[in-house]
C-alpha cells in the first residue's frame, strides 16, 4: 500500500474519532451541568424550608421539619422529613406528622405529590377537636394566592375531643379544593363513618358514607384573607349526600349566612328508599317512632325517591 492510500484511509478514521470524542465530551458536560443544577436547586429547597421555619418561629409559632433533605435525583426533586410540626397558639391550631415524602418532576416543578405516614391536627377553639389520619396522600399545583388544585386523602380517620372522648371515625376520607375564578370549588367524600353516641349521635346509627360537592361564593378571597367568621358566607350546594347503603338523603340548593348570623336557604331534599330510612331512624330513635311512622306514610305516598322543598328564611324553617 502506498503512502497516499494510507493517508486517504487514516484521515476519515481520525476525523470520526475526534467527532466521537467531542460528542462524548458534550454528553458528559451536559450531565455535569444538569447534576450541578439539580444540587443547586436541592440546596435552594433546603434553604427555603429552613427560612420558612425561621420566619414562623419569629412570628411566635412553633415549626419544625426534622432531618429535612432534598431527594429525587436525577428526574425528581422533593422534600423528605422524618417529622413535621407546626403550632400557632394565637390561632389555637397545632399540626404534627411523621414520614413526609414529596416529589415534583423537574420539567413541572409546580406540580407536587407526596405522602405522609401519620398526621394529627388539633383545634383548640370551639369544641376542642383532635383529628388523626394515617397513610395520607396529597397532590397540589402551586399558584397564588391559593394552590391551583389541592387534594388530600387519608385512611383510618378519627376525631376525638381534646378531653379524650371519642367523637367519630371513618374508614377513609378525602377532600379537594380548586379555585374557580373568584369562587372556590370544594368536594369531600367519606366512607364508613361512625359517630359516637356520646357525641350527640343516636344509638344504633349504622355506618355512613357521604359525598359533598359545593361552590363557596367569593371563596378565594375568604380563604386567602384573615376573615375566619362564617357570617357573610354564601354557597351553592350541588350535592350533599349521606347514605347508609339501603337508604340515603341528598340536599342541594343555595345556602347563605347573613351579617347577623342567620341562615337563608332554598334547598331540595331528596330521599332514597324512605321506608328503609324510616326503619333505620326508628331503631336509632325509638322515642320518635310514632312521629316517624306518620312521616313515613306521607313521604312514601310521593314515591320511592321523593323530593321535598326545604326553605329557611332568617333562621326559620
C-alpha atoms as a PDB file:
ATOM      1  CA  UNK A   1       0.000   0.000   0.000  1.00  0.00           C
ATOM      2  CA  UNK A   2       1.319   3.433  -0.956  1.00  0.00           C
ATOM      3  CA  UNK A   3       1.627   6.346   1.458  1.00  0.00           C
ATOM      4  CA  UNK A   4      -1.193   8.193  -0.331  1.00  0.00           C
ATOM      5  CA  UNK A   5      -3.531   5.238   0.234  1.00  0.00           C
ATOM      6  CA  UNK A   6      -2.637   5.128   3.943  1.00  0.00           C
ATOM      7  CA  UNK A   7      -3.408   8.848   4.312  1.00  0.00           C
ATOM      8  CA  UNK A   8      -6.729   8.509   2.487  1.00  0.00           C
ATOM      9  CA  UNK A   9      -7.922   5.730   4.827  1.00  0.00           C
ATOM     10  CA  UNK A  10      -6.458   7.139   8.043  1.00  0.00           C
ATOM     11  CA  UNK A  11      -7.809  10.673   7.760  1.00  0.00           C
ATOM     12  CA  UNK A  12     -11.530   9.746   7.887  1.00  0.00           C
ATOM     13  CA  UNK A  13     -10.938   7.439  10.838  1.00  0.00           C
ATOM     14  CA  UNK A  14      -9.073  10.164  12.671  1.00  0.00           C
ATOM     15  CA  UNK A  15     -11.860  12.689  11.960  1.00  0.00           C
ATOM     16  CA  UNK A  16     -14.529  10.243  13.114  1.00  0.00           C
ATOM     17  CA  UNK A  17     -12.641   9.612  16.336  1.00  0.00           C
ATOM     18  CA  UNK A  18     -12.400  13.322  17.014  1.00  0.00           C
ATOM     19  CA  UNK A  19     -16.144  13.804  16.399  1.00  0.00           C
ATOM     20  CA  UNK A  20     -16.973  10.905  18.701  1.00  0.00           C
ATOM     21  CA  UNK A  21     -14.693  12.312  21.382  1.00  0.00           C
ATOM     22  CA  UNK A  22     -16.356  15.730  21.118  1.00  0.00           C
ATOM     23  CA  UNK A  23     -19.804  14.102  21.225  1.00  0.00           C
ATOM     24  CA  UNK A  24     -18.899  12.116  24.348  1.00  0.00           C
ATOM     25  CA  UNK A  25     -17.423  15.236  25.926  1.00  0.00           C
ATOM     26  CA  UNK A  26     -20.626  17.167  25.185  1.00  0.00           C
ATOM     27  CA  UNK A  27     -22.743  14.438  26.807  1.00  0.00           C
ATOM     28  CA  UNK A  28     -20.549  14.370  29.897  1.00  0.00           C
ATOM     29  CA  UNK A  29     -20.585  18.163  30.096  1.00  0.00           C
ATOM     30  CA  UNK A  30     -24.401  18.233  29.831  1.00  0.00           C
ATOM     31  CA  UNK A  31     -24.717  15.601  32.566  1.00  0.00           C
ATOM     32  CA  UNK A  32     -22.294  17.556  34.723  1.00  0.00           C
ATOM     33  CA  UNK A  33     -24.186  20.822  34.229  1.00  0.00           C
ATOM     34  CA  UNK A  34     -27.530  19.133  34.886  1.00  0.00           C
ATOM     35  CA  UNK A  35     -26.188  17.497  38.038  1.00  0.00           C
ATOM     36  CA  UNK A  36     -24.772  20.796  39.268  1.00  0.00           C
ATOM     37  CA  UNK A  37     -28.119  22.471  38.554  1.00  0.00           C
ATOM     38  CA  UNK A  38     -30.060  19.751  40.402  1.00  0.00           C
ATOM     39  CA  UNK A  39     -27.892  20.005  43.501  1.00  0.00           C
ATOM     40  CA  UNK A  40     -28.116  23.795  43.365  1.00  0.00           C
ATOM     41  CA  UNK A  41     -31.941  23.544  43.288  1.00  0.00           C
ATOM     42  CA  UNK A  42     -31.835  20.978  46.107  1.00  0.00           C
ATOM     43  CA  UNK A  43     -29.707  23.300  48.209  1.00  0.00           C
ATOM     44  CA  UNK A  44     -32.131  26.173  47.496  1.00  0.00           C
ATOM     45  CA  UNK A  45     -35.088  23.986  48.532  1.00  0.00           C
ATOM     46  CA  UNK A  46     -33.482  23.056  51.843  1.00  0.00           C
ATOM     47  CA  UNK A  47     -32.597  26.715  52.388  1.00  0.00           C
ATOM     48  CA  UNK A  48     -36.180  27.840  51.686  1.00  0.00           C
ATOM     49  CA  UNK A  49     -37.510  25.302  54.184  1.00  0.00           C
ATOM     50  CA  UNK A  50     -35.090  26.480  56.852  1.00  0.00           C
ATOM     51  CA  UNK A  51     -36.004  30.107  56.107  1.00  0.00           C
ATOM     52  CA  UNK A  52     -39.759  29.396  56.336  1.00  0.00           C
ATOM     53  CA  UNK A  53     -39.275  27.657  59.687  1.00  0.00           C
ATOM     54  CA  UNK A  54     -37.218  30.571  60.987  1.00  0.00           C
ATOM     55  CA  UNK A  55     -39.877  33.105  59.888  1.00  0.00           C
ATOM     56  CA  UNK A  56     -42.640  31.069  61.554  1.00  0.00           C
ATOM     57  CA  UNK A  57     -40.673  30.937  64.797  1.00  0.00           C
ATOM     58  CA  UNK A  58     -40.041  34.689  64.586  1.00  0.00           C
ATOM     59  CA  UNK A  59     -43.837  35.216  64.474  1.00  0.00           C
ATOM     60  CA  UNK A  60     -44.176  33.239  67.694  1.00  0.00           C
ATOM     61  CA  UNK A  61     -45.259  29.943  66.137  1.00  0.00           C
ATOM     62  CA  UNK A  62     -43.528  26.615  66.685  1.00  0.00           C
ATOM     63  CA  UNK A  63     -42.384  24.912  63.475  1.00  0.00           C
ATOM     64  CA  UNK A  64     -40.015  22.122  62.546  1.00  0.00           C
ATOM     65  CA  UNK A  65     -39.129  19.703  59.753  1.00  0.00           C
ATOM     66  CA  UNK A  66     -36.692  17.224  61.296  1.00  0.00           C
ATOM     67  CA  UNK A  67     -33.831  15.926  59.174  1.00  0.00           C
ATOM     68  CA  UNK A  68     -35.046  17.840  56.107  1.00  0.00           C
ATOM     69  CA  UNK A  69     -33.401  16.578  52.918  1.00  0.00           C
ATOM     70  CA  UNK A  70     -33.931  17.235  49.230  1.00  0.00           C
ATOM     71  CA  UNK A  71     -34.048  13.980  47.266  1.00  0.00           C
ATOM     72  CA  UNK A  72     -35.131  12.591  43.908  1.00  0.00           C
ATOM     73  CA  UNK A  73     -32.059  12.859  41.667  1.00  0.00           C
ATOM     74  CA  UNK A  74     -31.957  12.641  38.699  1.00  0.00           C
ATOM     75  CA  UNK A  75     -35.502  13.299  37.419  1.00  0.00           C
ATOM     76  CA  UNK A  76     -37.379  14.483  40.517  1.00  0.00           C
ATOM     77  CA  UNK A  77     -36.889  16.955  43.312  1.00  0.00           C
ATOM     78  CA  UNK A  78     -38.716  16.674  46.605  1.00  0.00           C
ATOM     79  CA  UNK A  79     -38.519  17.260  50.322  1.00  0.00           C
ATOM     80  CA  UNK A  80     -38.184  14.414  52.817  1.00  0.00           C
ATOM     81  CA  UNK A  81     -38.583  14.928  56.575  1.00  0.00           C
ATOM     82  CA  UNK A  82     -38.700  12.403  59.402  1.00  0.00           C
ATOM     83  CA  UNK A  83     -41.268  14.573  61.162  1.00  0.00           C
ATOM     84  CA  UNK A  84     -43.132  17.843  60.665  1.00  0.00           C
ATOM     85  CA  UNK A  85     -44.721  20.131  63.245  1.00  0.00           C
ATOM     86  CA  UNK A  86     -46.479  23.472  63.349  1.00  0.00           C
ATOM     87  CA  UNK A  87     -48.228  25.151  66.275  1.00  0.00           C
ATOM     88  CA  UNK A  88     -49.786  28.604  66.485  1.00  0.00           C
ATOM     89  CA  UNK A  89     -51.077  29.297  69.984  1.00  0.00           C
ATOM     90  CA  UNK A  90     -52.786  32.540  68.958  1.00  0.00           C
ATOM     91  CA  UNK A  91     -54.871  30.686  66.365  1.00  0.00           C
ATOM     92  CA  UNK A  92     -55.312  27.633  68.571  1.00  0.00           C
ATOM     93  CA  UNK A  93     -54.072  25.244  65.872  1.00  0.00           C
ATOM     94  CA  UNK A  94     -51.387  22.568  66.083  1.00  0.00           C
ATOM     95  CA  UNK A  95     -50.256  20.056  63.464  1.00  0.00           C
ATOM     96  CA  UNK A  96     -47.810  17.170  63.749  1.00  0.00           C
ATOM     97  CA  UNK A  97     -46.889  14.450  61.275  1.00  0.00           C
ATOM     98  CA  UNK A  98     -44.392  11.682  60.620  1.00  0.00           C
ATOM     99  CA  UNK A  99     -42.718  10.455  57.455  1.00  0.00           C
ATOM    100  CA  UNK A 100     -43.111  13.315  54.974  1.00  0.00           C
ATOM    101  CA  UNK A 101     -42.183  12.484  51.375  1.00  0.00           C
ATOM    102  CA  UNK A 102     -42.795  14.800  48.437  1.00  0.00           C
ATOM    103  CA  UNK A 103     -41.731  14.968  44.807  1.00  0.00           C
ATOM    104  CA  UNK A 104     -42.042  17.166  41.727  1.00  0.00           C
ATOM    105  CA  UNK A 105     -40.891  16.405  38.202  1.00  0.00           C
ATOM    106  CA  UNK A 106     -38.006  18.572  37.070  1.00  0.00           C
ATOM    107  CA  UNK A 107     -39.968  19.675  34.000  1.00  0.00           C
ATOM    108  CA  UNK A 108     -43.094  20.513  36.106  1.00  0.00           C
ATOM    109  CA  UNK A 109     -41.872  21.835  39.478  1.00  0.00           C
ATOM    110  CA  UNK A 110     -45.199  23.442  40.453  1.00  0.00           C
ATOM    111  CA  UNK A 111     -47.000  20.090  40.450  1.00  0.00           C
ATOM    112  CA  UNK A 112     -46.218  18.345  43.744  1.00  0.00           C
ATOM    113  CA  UNK A 113     -47.305  14.939  45.017  1.00  0.00           C
ATOM    114  CA  UNK A 114     -46.466  13.422  48.358  1.00  0.00           C
ATOM    115  CA  UNK A 115     -47.167  11.081  51.233  1.00  0.00           C
ATOM    116  CA  UNK A 116     -47.299  11.341  54.992  1.00  0.00           C
ATOM    117  CA  UNK A 117     -47.370   8.320  57.284  1.00  0.00           C
ATOM    118  CA  UNK A 118     -49.394   9.950  60.060  1.00  0.00           C
ATOM    119  CA  UNK A 119     -50.956  13.347  60.682  1.00  0.00           C
ATOM    120  CA  UNK A 120     -52.585  14.889  63.761  1.00  0.00           C
ATOM    121  CA  UNK A 121     -54.489  18.177  63.680  1.00  0.00           C
ATOM    122  CA  UNK A 122     -55.575  19.819  66.930  1.00  0.00           C
ATOM    123  CA  UNK A 123     -58.024  22.735  67.049  1.00  0.00           C
ATOM    124  CA  UNK A 124     -58.305  24.300  70.480  1.00  0.00           C
ATOM    125  CA  UNK A 125     -61.005  26.841  69.681  1.00  0.00           C
ATOM    126  CA  UNK A 126     -64.695  25.915  69.772  1.00  0.00           C
ATOM    127  CA  UNK A 127     -65.376  22.280  70.631  1.00  0.00           C
ATOM    128  CA  UNK A 128     -61.692  21.396  71.065  1.00  0.00           C
ATOM    129  CA  UNK A 129     -61.041  18.810  68.377  1.00  0.00           C
ATOM    130  CA  UNK A 130     -58.271  16.365  67.513  1.00  0.00           C
ATOM    131  CA  UNK A 131     -58.202  14.660  64.088  1.00  0.00           C
ATOM    132  CA  UNK A 132     -55.831  11.763  63.330  1.00  0.00           C
ATOM    133  CA  UNK A 133     -55.157  10.262  59.896  1.00  0.00           C
ATOM    134  CA  UNK A 134     -52.834   7.564  58.577  1.00  0.00           C
ATOM    135  CA  UNK A 135     -51.439   6.835  55.110  1.00  0.00           C
ATOM    136  CA  UNK A 136     -52.056  10.351  53.778  1.00  0.00           C
ATOM    137  CA  UNK A 137     -51.663  11.055  50.069  1.00  0.00           C
ATOM    138  CA  UNK A 138     -51.727  14.578  48.679  1.00  0.00           C
ATOM    139  CA  UNK A 139     -51.197  16.474  45.443  1.00  0.00           C
ATOM    140  CA  UNK A 140     -51.188  20.165  44.599  1.00  0.00           C
ATOM    141  CA  UNK A 141     -50.369  22.653  41.876  1.00  0.00           C
ATOM    142  CA  UNK A 142     -48.676  25.719  43.321  1.00  0.00           C
ATOM    143  CA  UNK A 143     -50.204  29.094  42.455  1.00  0.00           C
ATOM    144  CA  UNK A 144     -51.038  32.412  44.124  1.00  0.00           C
ATOM    145  CA  UNK A 145     -52.926  33.361  46.243  1.00  0.00           C
ATOM    146  CA  UNK A 146     -54.178  29.752  46.565  1.00  0.00           C
ATOM    147  CA  UNK A 147     -52.995  26.472  45.006  1.00  0.00           C
ATOM    148  CA  UNK A 148     -54.478  25.791  41.571  1.00  0.00           C
ATOM    149  CA  UNK A 149     -55.677  22.477  42.967  1.00  0.00           C
ATOM    150  CA  UNK A 150     -55.287  20.629  46.264  1.00  0.00           C
ATOM    151  CA  UNK A 151     -56.297  17.046  47.011  1.00  0.00           C
ATOM    152  CA  UNK A 152     -55.788  15.128  50.265  1.00  0.00           C
ATOM    153  CA  UNK A 153     -56.865  11.613  51.234  1.00  0.00           C
ATOM    154  CA  UNK A 154     -56.290   9.562  54.353  1.00  0.00           C
ATOM    155  CA  UNK A 155     -57.093   6.200  55.889  1.00  0.00           C
ATOM    156  CA  UNK A 156     -58.392   5.417  59.380  1.00  0.00           C
ATOM    157  CA  UNK A 157     -59.586   8.916  60.187  1.00  0.00           C
ATOM    158  CA  UNK A 158     -60.598   9.522  63.815  1.00  0.00           C
ATOM    159  CA  UNK A 159     -61.987  12.607  65.548  1.00  0.00           C
ATOM    160  CA  UNK A 160     -61.554  12.967  69.309  1.00  0.00           C
ATOM    161  CA  UNK A 161     -62.311  15.744  71.774  1.00  0.00           C
ATOM    162  CA  UNK A 162     -59.236  17.236  73.389  1.00  0.00           C
ATOM    163  CA  UNK A 163     -60.622  15.833  76.627  1.00  0.00           C
ATOM    164  CA  UNK A 164     -60.088  12.357  75.171  1.00  0.00           C
ATOM    165  CA  UNK A 165     -63.715  11.465  74.419  1.00  0.00           C
ATOM    166  CA  UNK A 166     -64.109   9.763  71.005  1.00  0.00           C
ATOM    167  CA  UNK A 167     -66.381  11.625  68.577  1.00  0.00           C
ATOM    168  CA  UNK A 168     -66.268   9.849  65.213  1.00  0.00           C
ATOM    169  CA  UNK A 169     -64.212   7.586  62.983  1.00  0.00           C
ATOM    170  CA  UNK A 170     -64.152   6.858  59.250  1.00  0.00           C
ATOM    171  CA  UNK A 171     -62.538   4.137  57.203  1.00  0.00           C
ATOM    172  CA  UNK A 172     -61.433   6.614  54.527  1.00  0.00           C
ATOM    173  CA  UNK A 173     -61.814  10.310  53.815  1.00  0.00           C
ATOM    174  CA  UNK A 174     -60.700  12.673  51.056  1.00  0.00           C
ATOM    175  CA  UNK A 175     -61.031  16.385  50.300  1.00  0.00           C
ATOM    176  CA  UNK A 176     -60.443  18.501  47.195  1.00  0.00           C
ATOM    177  CA  UNK A 177     -60.173  22.241  46.565  1.00  0.00           C
ATOM    178  CA  UNK A 178     -59.952  24.185  43.307  1.00  0.00           C
ATOM    179  CA  UNK A 179     -60.289  27.938  42.643  1.00  0.00           C
ATOM    180  CA  UNK A 180     -62.957  28.732  40.043  1.00  0.00           C
ATOM    181  CA  UNK A 181     -62.409  32.375  39.193  1.00  0.00           C
ATOM    182  CA  UNK A 182     -63.149  34.287  42.405  1.00  0.00           C
ATOM    183  CA  UNK A 183     -65.138  31.339  43.763  1.00  0.00           C
ATOM    184  CA  UNK A 184     -63.831  28.169  45.368  1.00  0.00           C
ATOM    185  CA  UNK A 185     -64.985  24.661  44.456  1.00  0.00           C
ATOM    186  CA  UNK A 186     -64.883  22.205  47.368  1.00  0.00           C
ATOM    187  CA  UNK A 187     -65.551  18.478  47.402  1.00  0.00           C
ATOM    188  CA  UNK A 188     -65.199  15.745  50.007  1.00  0.00           C
ATOM    189  CA  UNK A 189     -66.014  12.085  50.490  1.00  0.00           C
ATOM    190  CA  UNK A 190     -66.016   9.745  53.465  1.00  0.00           C
ATOM    191  CA  UNK A 191     -66.639   6.028  53.860  1.00  0.00           C
ATOM    192  CA  UNK A 192     -67.697   4.021  56.897  1.00  0.00           C
ATOM    193  CA  UNK A 193     -68.282   6.998  59.181  1.00  0.00           C
ATOM    194  CA  UNK A 194     -69.402   6.042  62.675  1.00  0.00           C
ATOM    195  CA  UNK A 195     -70.448   8.693  65.191  1.00  0.00           C
ATOM    196  CA  UNK A 196     -70.181   8.003  68.890  1.00  0.00           C
ATOM    197  CA  UNK A 197     -73.498   8.340  70.750  1.00  0.00           C
ATOM    198  CA  UNK A 198     -71.693  10.417  73.361  1.00  0.00           C
ATOM    199  CA  UNK A 199     -71.008  12.968  70.597  1.00  0.00           C
ATOM    200  CA  UNK A 200     -74.728  13.503  70.051  1.00  0.00           C
ATOM    201  CA  UNK A 201     -75.406  10.719  67.564  1.00  0.00           C
ATOM    202  CA  UNK A 202     -78.428   8.450  68.069  1.00  0.00           C
ATOM    203  CA  UNK A 203     -77.613   4.981  69.411  1.00  0.00           C
ATOM    204  CA  UNK A 204     -77.671   2.264  66.782  1.00  0.00           C
ATOM    205  CA  UNK A 205     -76.996   4.563  63.818  1.00  0.00           C
ATOM    206  CA  UNK A 206     -75.290   2.470  61.083  1.00  0.00           C
ATOM    207  CA  UNK A 207     -72.012   3.469  59.385  1.00  0.00           C
ATOM    208  CA  UNK A 208     -72.475   6.293  56.905  1.00  0.00           C
ATOM    209  CA  UNK A 209     -70.992   7.112  53.507  1.00  0.00           C
ATOM    210  CA  UNK A 210     -71.093  10.670  52.237  1.00  0.00           C
ATOM    211  CA  UNK A 211     -70.328  12.973  49.325  1.00  0.00           C
ATOM    212  CA  UNK A 212     -70.109  16.769  49.359  1.00  0.00           C
ATOM    213  CA  UNK A 213     -69.791  18.995  46.286  1.00  0.00           C
ATOM    214  CA  UNK A 214     -70.278  22.763  46.621  1.00  0.00           C
ATOM    215  CA  UNK A 215     -69.036  26.159  45.499  1.00  0.00           C
ATOM    216  CA  UNK A 216     -68.066  28.821  48.006  1.00  0.00           C
ATOM    217  CA  UNK A 217     -69.001  32.193  46.516  1.00  0.00           C
ATOM    218  CA  UNK A 218     -66.060  34.634  46.608  1.00  0.00           C
ATOM    219  CA  UNK A 219     -64.195  31.795  48.302  1.00  0.00           C
ATOM    220  CA  UNK A 220     -60.700  32.691  47.098  1.00  0.00           C
ATOM    221  CA  UNK A 221     -60.710  36.000  48.973  1.00  0.00           C
ATOM    222  CA  UNK A 222     -62.270  34.404  52.060  1.00  0.00           C
ATOM    223  CA  UNK A 223     -59.698  31.575  52.149  1.00  0.00           C
ATOM    224  CA  UNK A 224     -56.677  33.780  51.394  1.00  0.00           C
ATOM    225  CA  UNK A 225     -57.678  36.623  53.724  1.00  0.00           C
ATOM    226  CA  UNK A 226     -57.720  36.899  57.513  1.00  0.00           C
ATOM    227  CA  UNK A 227     -61.517  36.561  57.694  1.00  0.00           C
ATOM    228  CA  UNK A 228     -62.482  33.465  59.708  1.00  0.00           C
ATOM    229  CA  UNK A 229     -66.123  34.253  60.550  1.00  0.00           C
ATOM    230  CA  UNK A 230     -68.886  32.344  58.760  1.00  0.00           C
ATOM    231  CA  UNK A 231     -71.002  35.493  58.573  1.00  0.00           C
ATOM    232  CA  UNK A 232     -71.460  36.621  55.000  1.00  0.00           C
ATOM    233  CA  UNK A 233     -70.830  33.073  53.742  1.00  0.00           C
ATOM    234  CA  UNK A 234     -72.675  32.125  50.555  1.00  0.00           C
ATOM    235  CA  UNK A 235     -72.556  28.685  48.925  1.00  0.00           C
ATOM    236  CA  UNK A 236     -74.187  26.718  46.149  1.00  0.00           C
ATOM    237  CA  UNK A 237     -74.621  23.113  47.291  1.00  0.00           C
ATOM    238  CA  UNK A 238     -74.613  20.890  44.228  1.00  0.00           C
ATOM    239  CA  UNK A 239     -74.648  17.673  46.192  1.00  0.00           C
ATOM    240  CA  UNK A 240     -74.607  16.808  49.879  1.00  0.00           C
ATOM    241  CA  UNK A 241     -75.426  13.120  50.196  1.00  0.00           C
ATOM    242  CA  UNK A 242     -75.416  10.772  53.182  1.00  0.00           C
ATOM    243  CA  UNK A 243     -76.022   7.052  52.544  1.00  0.00           C
ATOM    244  CA  UNK A 244     -76.403   4.040  54.798  1.00  0.00           C
ATOM    245  CA  UNK A 245     -76.273   1.504  51.970  1.00  0.00           C
ATOM    246  CA  UNK A 246     -80.025   0.866  51.888  1.00  0.00           C
ATOM    247  CA  UNK A 247     -81.218   4.445  52.148  1.00  0.00           C
ATOM    248  CA  UNK A 248     -79.927   7.938  51.678  1.00  0.00           C
ATOM    249  CA  UNK A 249     -80.641  11.642  51.804  1.00  0.00           C
ATOM    250  CA  UNK A 250     -79.427  14.298  49.348  1.00  0.00           C
ATOM    251  CA  UNK A 251     -79.568  18.067  49.804  1.00  0.00           C
ATOM    252  CA  UNK A 252     -78.950  20.638  47.073  1.00  0.00           C
ATOM    253  CA  UNK A 253     -79.504  24.349  46.568  1.00  0.00           C
ATOM    254  CA  UNK A 254     -78.193  27.774  47.668  1.00  0.00           C
ATOM    255  CA  UNK A 255     -77.257  28.338  51.304  1.00  0.00           C
ATOM    256  CA  UNK A 256     -76.141  31.591  52.921  1.00  0.00           C
ATOM    257  CA  UNK A 257     -75.405  33.128  56.325  1.00  0.00           C
ATOM    258  CA  UNK A 258     -76.132  36.841  56.615  1.00  0.00           C
ATOM    259  CA  UNK A 259     -74.264  39.512  58.592  1.00  0.00           C
ATOM    260  CA  UNK A 260     -76.408  38.795  61.660  1.00  0.00           C
ATOM    261  CA  UNK A 261     -75.532  35.093  61.564  1.00  0.00           C
ATOM    262  CA  UNK A 262     -78.974  33.956  60.329  1.00  0.00           C
ATOM    263  CA  UNK A 263     -79.372  31.264  57.679  1.00  0.00           C
ATOM    264  CA  UNK A 264     -81.222  31.721  54.387  1.00  0.00           C
ATOM    265  CA  UNK A 265     -81.569  28.732  52.079  1.00  0.00           C
ATOM    266  CA  UNK A 266     -83.769  27.331  49.332  1.00  0.00           C
ATOM    267  CA  UNK A 267     -82.975  23.635  49.325  1.00  0.00           C
ATOM    268  CA  UNK A 268     -84.279  20.450  47.768  1.00  0.00           C
ATOM    269  CA  UNK A 269     -84.346  17.354  49.978  1.00  0.00           C
ATOM    270  CA  UNK A 270     -84.223  14.051  48.050  1.00  0.00           C
ATOM    271  CA  UNK A 271     -84.845  10.775  49.880  1.00  0.00           C
ATOM    272  CA  UNK A 272     -83.826   7.355  48.587  1.00  0.00           C
ATOM    273  CA  UNK A 273     -85.903   4.420  49.886  1.00  0.00           C
ATOM    274  CA  UNK A 274     -87.902   6.308  52.543  1.00  0.00           C
ATOM    275  CA  UNK A 275     -89.240   3.062  54.070  1.00  0.00           C
ATOM    276  CA  UNK A 276     -85.714   1.811  54.808  1.00  0.00           C
ATOM    277  CA  UNK A 277     -84.702   5.255  56.070  1.00  0.00           C
ATOM    278  CA  UNK A 278     -87.668   5.368  58.457  1.00  0.00           C
ATOM    279  CA  UNK A 279     -86.777   1.909  59.795  1.00  0.00           C
ATOM    280  CA  UNK A 280     -83.180   2.952  60.445  1.00  0.00           C
ATOM    281  CA  UNK A 281     -84.270   6.128  62.225  1.00  0.00           C
ATOM    282  CA  UNK A 282     -86.900   4.247  64.248  1.00  0.00           C
ATOM    283  CA  UNK A 283     -84.190   1.885  65.519  1.00  0.00           C
ATOM    284  CA  UNK A 284     -81.838   4.746  66.318  1.00  0.00           C
ATOM    285  CA  UNK A 285     -84.564   6.979  67.804  1.00  0.00           C
ATOM    286  CA  UNK A 286     -87.114   4.692  69.441  1.00  0.00           C
ATOM    287  CA  UNK A 287     -88.748   7.586  71.310  1.00  0.00           C
ATOM    288  CA  UNK A 288     -89.708   9.152  67.949  1.00  0.00           C
ATOM    289  CA  UNK A 289     -91.284   6.072  66.343  1.00  0.00           C
ATOM    290  CA  UNK A 290     -94.867   7.500  66.293  1.00  0.00           C
ATOM    291  CA  UNK A 291     -93.756  10.701  64.534  1.00  0.00           C
ATOM    292  CA  UNK A 292     -91.550   8.755  62.124  1.00  0.00           C
ATOM    293  CA  UNK A 293     -94.407   6.406  61.255  1.00  0.00           C
ATOM    294  CA  UNK A 294     -96.639   9.365  60.363  1.00  0.00           C
ATOM    295  CA  UNK A 295     -93.876  10.970  58.284  1.00  0.00           C
ATOM    296  CA  UNK A 296     -93.231   7.660  56.501  1.00  0.00           C
ATOM    297  CA  UNK A 297     -96.869   7.425  55.372  1.00  0.00           C
ATOM    298  CA  UNK A 298     -96.749  10.912  53.879  1.00  0.00           C
ATOM    299  CA  UNK A 299     -93.354  10.541  52.217  1.00  0.00           C
ATOM    300  CA  UNK A 300     -93.850   7.052  50.769  1.00  0.00           C
ATOM    301  CA  UNK A 301     -97.064   8.285  49.141  1.00  0.00           C
ATOM    302  CA  UNK A 302     -94.812  10.506  46.992  1.00  0.00           C
ATOM    303  CA  UNK A 303     -92.919   7.526  45.506  1.00  0.00           C
ATOM    304  CA  UNK A 304     -89.670   5.636  46.076  1.00  0.00           C
ATOM    305  CA  UNK A 305     -87.436   8.683  45.604  1.00  0.00           C
ATOM    306  CA  UNK A 306     -89.438  11.734  46.728  1.00  0.00           C
ATOM    307  CA  UNK A 307     -88.147  15.290  46.574  1.00  0.00           C
ATOM    308  CA  UNK A 308     -89.216  17.822  49.171  1.00  0.00           C
ATOM    309  CA  UNK A 309     -88.621  21.606  49.217  1.00  0.00           C
ATOM    310  CA  UNK A 310     -86.888  22.942  52.299  1.00  0.00           C
ATOM    311  CA  UNK A 311     -86.882  26.725  52.783  1.00  0.00           C
ATOM    312  CA  UNK A 312     -85.061  28.563  55.550  1.00  0.00           C
ATOM    313  CA  UNK A 313     -85.626  32.287  55.995  1.00  0.00           C
ATOM    314  CA  UNK A 314     -83.697  34.212  58.636  1.00  0.00           C
ATOM    315  CA  UNK A 315     -83.066  31.007  60.533  1.00  0.00           C
ATOM    316  CA  UNK A 316     -86.705  29.867  60.432  1.00  0.00           C
ATOM    317  CA  UNK A 317     -87.514  26.578  58.615  1.00  0.00           C
END
